[in-house]
Amino acid sequence: MSPRKNSNPEPETIISFEQCTGKELKFLDALFGEANFNATKAYELAGFEASYQNRRPNACKLIKKLGPIIRQWLDDAGLNEVALKFKLLQKIEARETKFFQHEGKVIETREVEAHAIQLKALELAMKARGMLSDKSTREIDQIDQIIEIELEKLAASREGSAT
């Protein structure tokens, strides 16, 4: 069996705005603006053309390619890794005040755990660790590897039956 070829080479990383194409700059602008950090939407807004099935994977590849620029932008905004972890921990411990009324007047207030905020923070933390996703990059890579192996087996069996 021949060594496995990588049919999807990783895109070369871009580390400065000067290295970006016009569409990549539009992608970053849309990502931080109108798309509200939705990479697929930013990909479409930037004018990249791809089939519906390829938009999301292509947007993910572009995020990886532009990763250093995105990280620098977040760092410049005070959202470095340590700050984000600290903020996430605060949200996991979030509390809120509940007001109880009778005849239009507040008669009691209680501080309680903010379960909706805590749940969202927990989901984000789990996604960041790769524990919670529909199709993580790792799973997609594994499926791609299995498909390639099965195609190689099929090609080998066809060659064997032809001789």
N, C-alpha and C. Protein backbone atom coordinates (compact mmCIF):
# COMPACT_ATOMS: atom_id res chain seq x y z
N MET A 1 0.85 -1.18 0.00
CA MET A 1 0.00 0.00 0.00
C MET A 1 0.89 1.24 0.00
N SER A 2 0.57 2.19 -0.83
CA SER A 2 1.38 3.40 -0.93
C SER A 2 1.10 4.31 0.25
N PRO A 3 2.08 5.18 0.60
CA PRO A 3 1.83 6.10 1.72
C PRO A 3 0.63 6.98 1.41
N ARG A 4 -0.12 7.26 2.44
CA ARG A 4 -1.36 8.04 2.30
C ARG A 4 -1.04 9.47 1.90
N LYS A 5 -1.68 9.94 0.86
CA LYS A 5 -1.52 11.32 0.41
C LYS A 5 -2.58 12.17 1.09
N ASN A 6 -2.18 13.36 1.49
CA ASN A 6 -3.14 14.28 2.10
C ASN A 6 -3.86 15.00 0.97
N SER A 7 -5.13 14.63 0.78
CA SER A 7 -5.90 15.23 -0.31
C SER A 7 -6.36 16.64 0.03
N ASN A 8 -6.31 17.02 1.31
CA ASN A 8 -6.71 18.36 1.74
C ASN A 8 -5.57 19.02 2.49
N PRO A 9 -4.56 19.53 1.76
CA PRO A 9 -3.45 20.16 2.48
C PRO A 9 -3.92 21.38 3.26
N GLU A 10 -3.25 21.61 4.39
CA GLU A 10 -3.61 22.75 5.23
C GLU A 10 -3.24 24.04 4.50
N PRO A 11 -4.08 25.05 4.59
CA PRO A 11 -3.76 26.32 3.95
C PRO A 11 -2.58 26.97 4.66
N GLU A 12 -1.79 27.71 3.91
CA GLU A 12 -0.67 28.42 4.50
C GLU A 12 -1.21 29.51 5.43
N THR A 13 -0.63 29.59 6.60
CA THR A 13 -1.08 30.56 7.60
C THR A 13 -0.69 31.98 7.19
N ILE A 14 -1.59 32.90 7.43
CA ILE A 14 -1.34 34.32 7.15
C ILE A 14 -1.18 35.03 8.49
N ILE A 15 -0.09 35.79 8.62
CA ILE A 15 0.18 36.42 9.91
C ILE A 15 0.05 37.94 9.90
N SER A 16 -0.24 38.54 8.74
CA SER A 16 -0.42 39.99 8.73
C SER A 16 -1.49 40.37 7.71
N PHE A 17 -2.09 41.52 7.93
CA PHE A 17 -3.13 42.01 7.01
C PHE A 17 -2.58 42.20 5.61
N GLU A 18 -1.31 42.56 5.51
CA GLU A 18 -0.70 42.81 4.21
C GLU A 18 -0.68 41.56 3.33
N GLN A 19 -0.70 40.39 3.93
CA GLN A 19 -0.68 39.14 3.19
C GLN A 19 -2.07 38.71 2.71
N CYS A 20 -3.10 39.36 3.19
CA CYS A 20 -4.48 38.97 2.87
C CYS A 20 -4.89 39.45 1.49
N THR A 21 -5.73 38.65 0.85
CA THR A 21 -6.36 39.07 -0.40
C THR A 21 -7.53 39.99 -0.05
N GLY A 22 -8.10 40.62 -1.05
CA GLY A 22 -9.25 41.48 -0.82
C GLY A 22 -10.42 40.72 -0.20
N LYS A 23 -10.67 39.51 -0.70
CA LYS A 23 -11.79 38.72 -0.17
C LYS A 23 -11.52 38.28 1.27
N GLU A 24 -10.25 37.98 1.59
CA GLU A 24 -9.92 37.59 2.97
C GLU A 24 -10.13 38.77 3.92
N LEU A 25 -9.79 39.96 3.47
CA LEU A 25 -10.04 41.16 4.29
C LEU A 25 -11.54 41.39 4.47
N LYS A 26 -12.31 41.17 3.39
CA LYS A 26 -13.77 41.29 3.50
C LYS A 26 -14.32 40.25 4.47
N PHE A 27 -13.74 39.04 4.43
CA PHE A 27 -14.15 37.98 5.34
C PHE A 27 -13.93 38.41 6.79
N LEU A 28 -12.73 38.93 7.08
CA LEU A 28 -12.43 39.38 8.45
C LEU A 28 -13.37 40.50 8.88
N ASP A 29 -13.61 41.44 7.97
CA ASP A 29 -14.51 42.56 8.27
C ASP A 29 -15.91 42.04 8.59
N ALA A 30 -16.39 41.10 7.78
CA ALA A 30 -17.72 40.54 8.00
C ALA A 30 -17.75 39.70 9.28
N LEU A 31 -16.69 38.95 9.52
CA LEU A 31 -16.62 38.08 10.70
C LEU A 31 -16.75 38.90 11.98
N PHE A 32 -16.02 40.02 12.04
CA PHE A 32 -16.04 40.86 13.23
C PHE A 32 -17.23 41.81 13.24
N GLY A 33 -17.95 41.90 12.14
CA GLY A 33 -19.06 42.85 12.03
C GLY A 33 -20.39 42.16 11.79
N GLU A 34 -20.88 42.30 10.58
CA GLU A 34 -22.23 41.87 10.23
C GLU A 34 -22.51 40.39 10.51
N ALA A 35 -21.50 39.52 10.33
CA ALA A 35 -21.71 38.08 10.53
C ALA A 35 -21.69 37.68 12.00
N ASN A 36 -21.28 38.61 12.87
CA ASN A 36 -21.28 38.36 14.31
C ASN A 36 -20.55 37.06 14.67
N PHE A 37 -19.35 36.90 14.12
CA PHE A 37 -18.47 35.76 14.38
C PHE A 37 -18.99 34.43 13.81
N ASN A 38 -19.93 34.48 12.88
CA ASN A 38 -20.39 33.29 12.18
C ASN A 38 -19.55 33.16 10.92
N ALA A 39 -18.60 32.20 10.92
CA ALA A 39 -17.64 32.08 9.83
C ALA A 39 -18.31 31.78 8.49
N THR A 40 -19.33 30.93 8.49
CA THR A 40 -20.01 30.58 7.25
C THR A 40 -20.69 31.81 6.65
N LYS A 41 -21.35 32.58 7.49
CA LYS A 41 -22.02 33.79 7.01
C LYS A 41 -20.98 34.80 6.51
N ALA A 42 -19.86 34.94 7.23
CA ALA A 42 -18.81 35.86 6.81
C ALA A 42 -18.22 35.42 5.47
N TYR A 43 -18.10 34.11 5.27
CA TYR A 43 -17.59 33.56 4.01
C TYR A 43 -18.49 33.97 2.85
N GLU A 44 -19.79 33.86 3.07
CA GLU A 44 -20.75 34.25 2.03
C GLU A 44 -20.72 35.76 1.79
N LEU A 45 -20.69 36.54 2.88
CA LEU A 45 -20.69 38.00 2.75
C LEU A 45 -19.44 38.52 2.05
N ALA A 46 -18.33 37.80 2.19
CA ALA A 46 -17.07 38.22 1.56
C ALA A 46 -17.07 37.95 0.06
N GLY A 47 -18.05 37.19 -0.42
CA GLY A 47 -18.16 36.95 -1.85
C GLY A 47 -17.46 35.70 -2.34
N PHE A 48 -17.06 34.82 -1.43
CA PHE A 48 -16.47 33.55 -1.85
C PHE A 48 -17.57 32.70 -2.46
N GLU A 49 -17.23 32.00 -3.52
CA GLU A 49 -18.20 31.14 -4.17
C GLU A 49 -17.90 29.69 -3.84
N ALA A 50 -18.90 29.00 -3.35
CA ALA A 50 -18.76 27.58 -3.03
C ALA A 50 -20.16 27.00 -2.96
N SER A 51 -20.24 25.69 -3.19
CA SER A 51 -21.53 25.03 -3.06
C SER A 51 -21.98 25.10 -1.61
N TYR A 52 -23.25 24.87 -1.40
CA TYR A 52 -23.81 24.93 -0.05
C TYR A 52 -23.05 24.00 0.91
N GLN A 53 -22.71 22.79 0.44
CA GLN A 53 -22.03 21.80 1.28
C GLN A 53 -20.60 22.23 1.62
N ASN A 54 -19.97 23.02 0.76
CA ASN A 54 -18.57 23.37 0.97
C ASN A 54 -18.35 24.69 1.69
N ARG A 55 -19.40 25.46 1.91
CA ARG A 55 -19.23 26.77 2.55
C ARG A 55 -18.66 26.65 3.96
N ARG A 56 -19.26 25.79 4.75
CA ARG A 56 -18.81 25.66 6.15
C ARG A 56 -17.38 25.14 6.24
N PRO A 57 -17.04 24.03 5.54
CA PRO A 57 -15.65 23.57 5.63
C PRO A 57 -14.64 24.59 5.10
N ASN A 58 -15.01 25.29 4.02
CA ASN A 58 -14.11 26.30 3.47
C ASN A 58 -13.94 27.46 4.45
N ALA A 59 -15.03 27.85 5.11
CA ALA A 59 -14.95 28.92 6.11
C ALA A 59 -14.05 28.51 7.27
N CYS A 60 -14.14 27.25 7.68
CA CYS A 60 -13.29 26.74 8.77
C CYS A 60 -11.82 26.77 8.36
N LYS A 61 -11.54 26.38 7.12
CA LYS A 61 -10.15 26.43 6.63
C LYS A 61 -9.65 27.87 6.61
N LEU A 62 -10.51 28.78 6.23
CA LEU A 62 -10.11 30.19 6.18
C LEU A 62 -9.86 30.73 7.58
N ILE A 63 -10.66 30.31 8.54
CA ILE A 63 -10.43 30.70 9.95
C ILE A 63 -9.06 30.22 10.40
N LYS A 64 -8.70 28.97 10.06
CA LYS A 64 -7.38 28.45 10.43
C LYS A 64 -6.28 29.25 9.75
N LYS A 65 -6.47 29.55 8.49
CA LYS A 65 -5.48 30.28 7.72
C LYS A 65 -5.25 31.68 8.31
N LEU A 66 -6.33 32.33 8.73
CA LEU A 66 -6.27 33.69 9.26
C LEU A 66 -6.16 33.71 10.79
N GLY A 67 -5.97 32.55 11.39
CA GLY A 67 -5.93 32.42 12.85
C GLY A 67 -5.03 33.41 13.57
N PRO A 68 -3.78 33.59 13.13
CA PRO A 68 -2.90 34.54 13.83
C PRO A 68 -3.44 35.97 13.82
N ILE A 69 -4.05 36.37 12.73
CA ILE A 69 -4.62 37.73 12.65
C ILE A 69 -5.80 37.84 13.60
N ILE A 70 -6.64 36.82 13.63
CA ILE A 70 -7.81 36.84 14.51
C ILE A 70 -7.37 36.86 15.97
N ARG A 71 -6.38 36.02 16.31
CA ARG A 71 -5.88 36.00 17.70
C ARG A 71 -5.29 37.36 18.09
N GLN A 72 -4.54 37.99 17.17
CA GLN A 72 -3.95 39.29 17.46
C GLN A 72 -5.04 40.34 17.68
N TRP A 73 -6.08 40.29 16.84
CA TRP A 73 -7.18 41.24 16.98
C TRP A 73 -7.86 41.06 18.34
N LEU A 74 -8.08 39.81 18.73
CA LEU A 74 -8.70 39.53 20.03
C LEU A 74 -7.79 39.99 21.18
N ASP A 75 -6.49 39.72 21.04
CA ASP A 75 -5.54 40.17 22.06
C ASP A 75 -5.57 41.70 22.19
N ASP A 76 -5.56 42.39 21.04
CA ASP A 76 -5.60 43.85 21.05
C ASP A 76 -6.88 44.37 21.71
N ALA A 77 -7.96 43.61 21.61
CA ALA A 77 -9.24 44.02 22.21
C ALA A 77 -9.32 43.61 23.69
N GLY A 78 -8.20 43.06 24.22
CA GLY A 78 -8.19 42.64 25.63
C GLY A 78 -8.85 41.29 25.85
N LEU A 79 -9.00 40.52 24.78
CA LEU A 79 -9.65 39.22 24.87
C LEU A 79 -8.64 38.10 24.63
N ASN A 80 -7.51 38.15 25.36
CA ASN A 80 -6.53 37.09 25.22
C ASN A 80 -7.03 35.82 25.91
N GLU A 81 -6.29 34.76 25.79
CA GLU A 81 -6.75 33.46 26.30
C GLU A 81 -7.02 33.49 27.81
N VAL A 82 -6.15 34.12 28.57
CA VAL A 82 -6.33 34.18 30.03
C VAL A 82 -7.59 34.98 30.37
N ALA A 83 -7.78 36.12 29.72
CA ALA A 83 -8.96 36.95 30.00
C ALA A 83 -10.25 36.21 29.65
N LEU A 84 -10.23 35.49 28.53
CA LEU A 84 -11.42 34.74 28.13
C LEU A 84 -11.73 33.62 29.12
N LYS A 85 -10.70 32.93 29.59
CA LYS A 85 -10.92 31.86 30.57
C LYS A 85 -11.50 32.44 31.86
N PHE A 86 -10.95 33.56 32.30
CA PHE A 86 -11.44 34.20 33.51
C PHE A 86 -12.91 34.60 33.37
N LYS A 87 -13.24 35.20 32.22
CA LYS A 87 -14.62 35.63 31.98
C LYS A 87 -15.56 34.42 31.93
N LEU A 88 -15.12 33.35 31.28
CA LEU A 88 -15.93 32.13 31.21
C LEU A 88 -16.18 31.57 32.62
N LEU A 89 -15.15 31.56 33.45
CA LEU A 89 -15.33 31.07 34.82
C LEU A 89 -16.32 31.94 35.60
N GLN A 90 -16.29 33.25 35.35
CA GLN A 90 -17.26 34.14 35.99
C GLN A 90 -18.68 33.77 35.56
N LYS A 91 -18.86 33.48 34.29
CA LYS A 91 -20.20 33.16 33.78
C LYS A 91 -20.68 31.81 34.31
N ILE A 92 -19.77 30.88 34.53
CA ILE A 92 -20.17 29.59 35.07
C ILE A 92 -20.69 29.75 36.50
N GLU A 93 -20.23 30.79 37.19
CA GLU A 93 -20.67 31.07 38.57
C GLU A 93 -21.75 32.16 38.60
N ALA A 94 -22.32 32.52 37.46
CA ALA A 94 -23.25 33.66 37.37
C ALA A 94 -24.44 33.52 38.32
N ARG A 95 -24.85 34.68 38.83
CA ARG A 95 -26.02 34.78 39.71
C ARG A 95 -26.88 35.92 39.18
N GLU A 96 -28.15 35.89 39.56
CA GLU A 96 -29.07 36.96 39.16
C GLU A 96 -30.04 37.23 40.30
N THR A 97 -30.65 38.40 40.25
CA THR A 97 -31.62 38.77 41.27
C THR A 97 -33.03 38.56 40.72
N LYS A 98 -33.84 37.84 41.48
CA LYS A 98 -35.25 37.62 41.12
C LYS A 98 -36.11 38.52 42.00
N PHE A 99 -37.08 39.16 41.37
CA PHE A 99 -37.99 40.06 42.09
C PHE A 99 -39.36 39.41 42.18
N PHE A 100 -39.92 39.40 43.37
CA PHE A 100 -41.23 38.83 43.58
C PHE A 100 -42.20 39.97 43.94
N GLN A 101 -43.30 40.02 43.20
CA GLN A 101 -44.24 41.13 43.35
C GLN A 101 -45.59 40.63 43.89
N HIS A 102 -46.26 41.58 44.49
CA HIS A 102 -47.66 41.35 44.89
C HIS A 102 -48.37 42.68 44.71
N GLU A 103 -49.43 42.67 43.90
CA GLU A 103 -50.21 43.87 43.62
C GLU A 103 -49.34 45.02 43.11
N GLY A 104 -48.38 44.67 42.22
CA GLY A 104 -47.55 45.68 41.58
C GLY A 104 -46.39 46.19 42.40
N LYS A 105 -46.19 45.68 43.61
CA LYS A 105 -45.08 46.13 44.45
C LYS A 105 -44.15 44.95 44.72
N VAL A 106 -42.85 45.25 44.66
CA VAL A 106 -41.85 44.23 44.97
C VAL A 106 -41.89 43.97 46.46
N ILE A 107 -42.15 42.72 46.81
CA ILE A 107 -42.22 42.38 48.23
C ILE A 107 -41.00 41.59 48.70
N GLU A 108 -40.25 41.04 47.73
CA GLU A 108 -39.08 40.26 48.11
C GLU A 108 -38.13 40.16 46.92
N THR A 109 -36.84 40.14 47.22
CA THR A 109 -35.84 39.87 46.19
C THR A 109 -34.95 38.73 46.69
N ARG A 110 -34.52 37.92 45.75
CA ARG A 110 -33.62 36.81 46.08
C ARG A 110 -32.53 36.73 45.02
N GLU A 111 -31.32 36.50 45.49
CA GLU A 111 -30.23 36.25 44.56
C GLU A 111 -30.15 34.74 44.36
N VAL A 112 -30.21 34.33 43.09
CA VAL A 112 -30.22 32.90 42.75
C VAL A 112 -29.21 32.66 41.63
N GLU A 113 -28.90 31.40 41.41
CA GLU A 113 -28.00 31.05 40.31
C GLU A 113 -28.69 31.36 38.99
N ALA A 114 -27.93 31.93 38.06
CA ALA A 114 -28.45 32.25 36.73
C ALA A 114 -28.21 31.04 35.83
N HIS A 115 -29.14 30.11 35.88
CA HIS A 115 -28.94 28.83 35.19
C HIS A 115 -28.79 28.97 33.67
N ALA A 116 -29.51 29.86 33.05
CA ALA A 116 -29.41 30.02 31.59
C ALA A 116 -28.01 30.50 31.20
N ILE A 117 -27.48 31.45 31.96
CA ILE A 117 -26.13 31.97 31.69
C ILE A 117 -25.09 30.89 31.97
N GLN A 118 -25.26 30.17 33.07
CA GLN A 118 -24.32 29.11 33.42
C GLN A 118 -24.31 28.01 32.36
N LEU A 119 -25.49 27.65 31.87
CA LEU A 119 -25.59 26.60 30.86
C LEU A 119 -24.90 27.03 29.57
N LYS A 120 -25.11 28.26 29.14
CA LYS A 120 -24.47 28.77 27.93
C LYS A 120 -22.94 28.77 28.09
N ALA A 121 -22.45 29.19 29.25
CA ALA A 121 -21.01 29.21 29.51
C ALA A 121 -20.45 27.79 29.49
N LEU A 122 -21.19 26.86 30.07
CA LEU A 122 -20.76 25.47 30.08
C LEU A 122 -20.70 24.90 28.66
N GLU A 123 -21.71 25.23 27.85
CA GLU A 123 -21.72 24.78 26.45
C GLU A 123 -20.51 25.33 25.71
N LEU A 124 -20.20 26.62 25.91
CA LEU A 124 -19.05 27.23 25.24
C LEU A 124 -17.75 26.57 25.68
N ALA A 125 -17.62 26.29 26.97
CA ALA A 125 -16.41 25.64 27.47
C ALA A 125 -16.26 24.24 26.88
N MET A 126 -17.36 23.52 26.80
CA MET A 126 -17.32 22.16 26.25
C MET A 126 -17.00 22.19 24.75
N LYS A 127 -17.55 23.15 24.03
CA LYS A 127 -17.24 23.28 22.61
C LYS A 127 -15.77 23.61 22.42
N ALA A 128 -15.25 24.50 23.26
CA ALA A 128 -13.84 24.89 23.16
C ALA A 128 -12.93 23.69 23.38
N ARG A 129 -13.34 22.75 24.21
CA ARG A 129 -12.54 21.55 24.47
C ARG A 129 -12.83 20.44 23.46
N GLY A 130 -13.74 20.69 22.53
CA GLY A 130 -14.07 19.68 21.54
C GLY A 130 -14.97 18.58 22.06
N MET A 131 -15.62 18.82 23.18
CA MET A 131 -16.48 17.81 23.80
C MET A 131 -17.92 17.89 23.34
N LEU A 132 -18.30 19.00 22.72
CA LEU A 132 -19.70 19.20 22.37
C LEU A 132 -19.79 19.85 21.00
N SER A 133 -20.06 19.01 19.99
CA SER A 133 -20.25 19.56 18.65
C SER A 133 -20.95 18.50 17.81
N ASP A 134 -21.63 18.96 16.77
CA ASP A 134 -22.28 18.02 15.88
C ASP A 134 -21.25 17.21 15.12
N LYS A 135 -20.33 17.91 14.50
CA LYS A 135 -19.27 17.27 13.73
C LYS A 135 -17.99 18.03 13.98
N SER A 136 -17.20 17.54 14.89
CA SER A 136 -15.95 18.24 15.17
C SER A 136 -14.98 18.00 14.02
N THR A 137 -13.98 18.82 13.96
CA THR A 137 -12.96 18.68 12.91
C THR A 137 -12.32 17.31 12.99
N ARG A 138 -12.09 16.83 14.20
CA ARG A 138 -11.48 15.51 14.39
C ARG A 138 -12.35 14.42 13.78
N GLU A 139 -13.65 14.49 14.01
CA GLU A 139 -14.56 13.48 13.46
C GLU A 139 -14.58 13.54 11.94
N ILE A 140 -14.58 14.74 11.39
CA ILE A 140 -14.58 14.89 9.94
C ILE A 140 -13.30 14.30 9.35
N ASP A 141 -12.14 14.58 9.99
CA ASP A 141 -10.87 14.02 9.52
C ASP A 141 -10.89 12.49 9.58
N GLN A 142 -11.46 11.93 10.63
CA GLN A 142 -11.54 10.47 10.75
C GLN A 142 -12.42 9.88 9.65
N ILE A 143 -13.53 10.53 9.36
CA ILE A 143 -14.41 10.06 8.29
C ILE A 143 -13.69 10.13 6.95
N ASP A 144 -12.97 11.23 6.71
CA ASP A 144 -12.19 11.36 5.46
C ASP A 144 -11.16 10.25 5.34
N GLN A 145 -10.48 9.91 6.43
CA GLN A 145 -9.49 8.84 6.41
C GLN A 145 -10.13 7.50 6.09
N ILE A 146 -11.27 7.22 6.70
CA ILE A 146 -11.98 5.96 6.45
C ILE A 146 -12.41 5.87 4.99
N ILE A 147 -12.92 6.96 4.45
CA ILE A 147 -13.33 6.98 3.04
C ILE A 147 -12.14 6.71 2.13
N GLU A 148 -11.01 7.35 2.41
CA GLU A 148 -9.82 7.13 1.58
C GLU A 148 -9.35 5.68 1.65
N ILE A 149 -9.36 5.09 2.84
CA ILE A 149 -8.95 3.69 3.00
C ILE A 149 -9.89 2.77 2.22
N GLU A 150 -11.19 3.03 2.35
CA GLU A 150 -12.17 2.19 1.64
C GLU A 150 -12.03 2.33 0.13
N LEU A 151 -11.75 3.55 -0.35
CA LEU A 151 -11.54 3.75 -1.79
C LEU A 151 -10.28 3.01 -2.27
N GLU A 152 -9.22 3.04 -1.44
CA GLU A 152 -8.00 2.31 -1.79
C GLU A 152 -8.27 0.80 -1.83
N LYS A 153 -9.05 0.29 -0.88
CA LYS A 153 -9.40 -1.14 -0.87
C LYS A 153 -10.20 -1.49 -2.12
N LEU A 154 -11.16 -0.64 -2.46
CA LEU A 154 -11.99 -0.87 -3.64
C LEU A 154 -11.14 -0.89 -4.90
N ALA A 155 -10.22 0.07 -5.02
CA ALA A 155 -9.35 0.12 -6.19
C ALA A 155 -8.45 -1.12 -6.25
N ALA A 156 -7.94 -1.56 -5.10
CA ALA A 156 -7.08 -2.75 -5.07
C ALA A 156 -7.86 -3.99 -5.45
N SER A 157 -9.11 -4.10 -4.98
CA SER A 157 -9.92 -5.28 -5.31
C SER A 157 -10.27 -5.30 -6.80
N ARG A 158 -10.49 -4.14 -7.38
CA ARG A 158 -10.77 -4.06 -8.80
C ARG A 158 -9.55 -4.47 -9.63
N GLU A 159 -8.36 -4.01 -9.17
CA GLU A 159 -7.11 -4.39 -9.86
C GLU A 159 -6.89 -5.90 -9.75
N GLY A 160 -7.19 -6.45 -8.58
CA GLY A 160 -7.02 -7.91 -8.35
C GLY A 160 -7.96 -8.73 -9.22
N SER A 161 -9.19 -8.28 -9.38
CA SER A 161 -10.17 -9.03 -10.17
C SER A 161 -9.94 -8.85 -11.68
N ALA A 162 -9.24 -7.79 -12.06
CA ALA A 162 -8.97 -7.55 -13.48
C ALA A 162 -7.83 -8.42 -13.99
N THR A 163 -6.96 -8.93 -13.09
CA THR A 163 -5.82 -9.74 -13.55
C THR A 163 -6.13 -11.19 -13.56
